[in-house]
Amino acid sequence: MAEAEYKVTGMSCGHCEASVRGEVSKLAGVEDVQVSATAGTLKIVSSAEVADDAVIAAVDEAGYSAVRA
């Protein structure tokens, strides 16, 4: 299992969290996604390493910006 954490900017509510969770969950190998608008964080657990650029692109697709924490 691999874990990764990202800082996400622009989120302010539960809908924001759901949007990010939905996009990141689509990535191959992702098994768990935890998002906090309050803390501005995204944590993923995956069966194999997921490329940072793929996660960042998924967050971007949801309408927000992310960087690896």
C-alpha atoms as a PDB file:
ATOM      1  CA  MET A   1       0.000   0.000   0.000  1.00  0.00           C
ATOM      2  CA  ALA A   2       1.159   3.504  -0.815  1.00  0.00           C
ATOM      3  CA  GLU A   3       0.056   6.734   0.841  1.00  0.00           C
ATOM      4  CA  ALA A   4       0.390  10.310  -0.359  1.00  0.00           C
ATOM      5  CA  GLU A   5      -0.705  13.688   0.957  1.00  0.00           C
ATOM      6  CA  TYR A   6      -1.368  16.897  -0.942  1.00  0.00           C
ATOM      7  CA  LYS A   7      -2.224  20.490  -0.072  1.00  0.00           C
ATOM      8  CA  VAL A   8      -5.311  21.640  -1.974  1.00  0.00           C
ATOM      9  CA  THR A   9      -6.275  25.285  -2.392  1.00  0.00           C
ATOM     10  CA  GLY A  10      -9.678  26.717  -3.217  1.00  0.00           C
ATOM     11  CA  MET A  11     -11.908  24.279  -1.308  1.00  0.00           C
ATOM     12  CA  SER A  12     -14.430  25.762   1.121  1.00  0.00           C
ATOM     13  CA  CYS A  13     -17.231  23.233   1.711  1.00  0.00           C
ATOM     14  CA  GLY A  14     -18.455  19.662   1.580  1.00  0.00           C
ATOM     15  CA  HIS A  15     -19.336  19.995  -2.096  1.00  0.00           C
ATOM     16  CA  CYS A  16     -15.719  20.935  -2.803  1.00  0.00           C
ATOM     17  CA  GLU A  17     -14.550  17.862  -0.902  1.00  0.00           C
ATOM     18  CA  ALA A  18     -16.962  15.627  -2.825  1.00  0.00           C
ATOM     19  CA  SER A  19     -15.786  17.008  -6.172  1.00  0.00           C
ATOM     20  CA  VAL A  20     -12.127  16.339  -5.376  1.00  0.00           C
ATOM     21  CA  ARG A  21     -12.911  12.908  -3.880  1.00  0.00           C
ATOM     22  CA  GLY A  22     -14.909  11.941  -6.977  1.00  0.00           C
ATOM     23  CA  GLU A  23     -12.166  12.842  -9.456  1.00  0.00           C
ATOM     24  CA  VAL A  24      -9.282  11.340  -7.479  1.00  0.00           C
ATOM     25  CA  SER A  25     -11.251   8.131  -6.816  1.00  0.00           C
ATOM     26  CA  LYS A  26     -11.325   7.490 -10.571  1.00  0.00           C
ATOM     27  CA  LEU A  27      -7.536   7.041 -10.702  1.00  0.00           C
ATOM     28  CA  ALA A  28      -6.328   3.465 -11.147  1.00  0.00           C
ATOM     29  CA  GLY A  29      -5.176   1.866  -7.913  1.00  0.00           C
ATOM     30  CA  VAL A  30      -6.701   4.446  -5.559  1.00  0.00           C
ATOM     31  CA  GLU A  31      -8.446   2.639  -2.704  1.00  0.00           C
ATOM     32  CA  ASP A  32      -9.200   5.419  -0.191  1.00  0.00           C
ATOM     33  CA  VAL A  33      -9.482   9.191  -0.480  1.00  0.00           C
ATOM     34  CA  GLN A  34      -9.744  11.582   2.466  1.00  0.00           C
ATOM     35  CA  VAL A  35     -10.381  15.252   1.768  1.00  0.00           C
ATOM     36  CA  SER A  36     -10.656  18.146   4.222  1.00  0.00           C
ATOM     37  CA  ALA A  37     -11.722  21.577   2.992  1.00  0.00           C
ATOM     38  CA  THR A  38     -11.026  23.003   6.446  1.00  0.00           C
ATOM     39  CA  ALA A  39      -7.426  21.771   6.522  1.00  0.00           C
ATOM     40  CA  GLY A  40      -6.942  22.026   2.740  1.00  0.00           C
ATOM     41  CA  THR A  41      -5.647  18.485   2.546  1.00  0.00           C
ATOM     42  CA  LEU A  42      -6.048  15.425   0.366  1.00  0.00           C
ATOM     43  CA  LYS A  43      -4.769  12.025   1.476  1.00  0.00           C
ATOM     44  CA  ILE A  44      -4.854   8.974  -0.755  1.00  0.00           C
ATOM     45  CA  VAL A  45      -4.162   5.315  -0.122  1.00  0.00           C
ATOM     46  CA  SER A  46      -3.473   3.208  -3.176  1.00  0.00           C
ATOM     47  CA  SER A  47      -2.500  -0.346  -4.030  1.00  0.00           C
ATOM     48  CA  ALA A  48       0.488   0.988  -5.978  1.00  0.00           C
ATOM     49  CA  GLU A  49       2.262   4.329  -6.288  1.00  0.00           C
ATOM     50  CA  VAL A  50       0.080   6.881  -8.125  1.00  0.00           C
ATOM     51  CA  ALA A  51       1.927   9.564 -10.104  1.00  0.00           C
ATOM     52  CA  ASP A  52       1.733  13.016  -8.520  1.00  0.00           C
ATOM     53  CA  ASP A  53       0.904  14.612 -11.867  1.00  0.00           C
ATOM     54  CA  ALA A  54      -2.119  12.292 -12.241  1.00  0.00           C
ATOM     55  CA  VAL A  55      -3.438  13.273  -8.806  1.00  0.00           C
ATOM     56  CA  ILE A  56      -2.795  16.969  -9.453  1.00  0.00           C
ATOM     57  CA  ALA A  57      -4.563  16.711 -12.827  1.00  0.00           C
ATOM     58  CA  ALA A  58      -7.580  15.043 -11.165  1.00  0.00           C
ATOM     59  CA  VAL A  59      -7.765  17.822  -8.557  1.00  0.00           C
ATOM     60  CA  ASP A  60      -7.470  20.385 -11.365  1.00  0.00           C
ATOM     61  CA  GLU A  61     -10.348  18.655 -13.190  1.00  0.00           C
ATOM     62  CA  ALA A  62     -12.441  19.171 -10.038  1.00  0.00           C
ATOM     63  CA  GLY A  63     -11.621  22.885 -10.185  1.00  0.00           C
ATOM     64  CA  TYR A  64      -8.913  23.214  -7.531  1.00  0.00           C
ATOM     65  CA  SER A  65      -5.117  23.330  -7.252  1.00  0.00           C
ATOM     66  CA  ALA A  66      -2.888  20.822  -5.476  1.00  0.00           C
ATOM     67  CA  VAL A  67       0.759  20.284  -4.618  1.00  0.00           C
ATOM     68  CA  ARG A  68       2.429  17.327  -2.919  1.00  0.00           C
ATOM     69  CA  ALA A  69       2.699  18.019   0.819  1.00  0.00           C
END
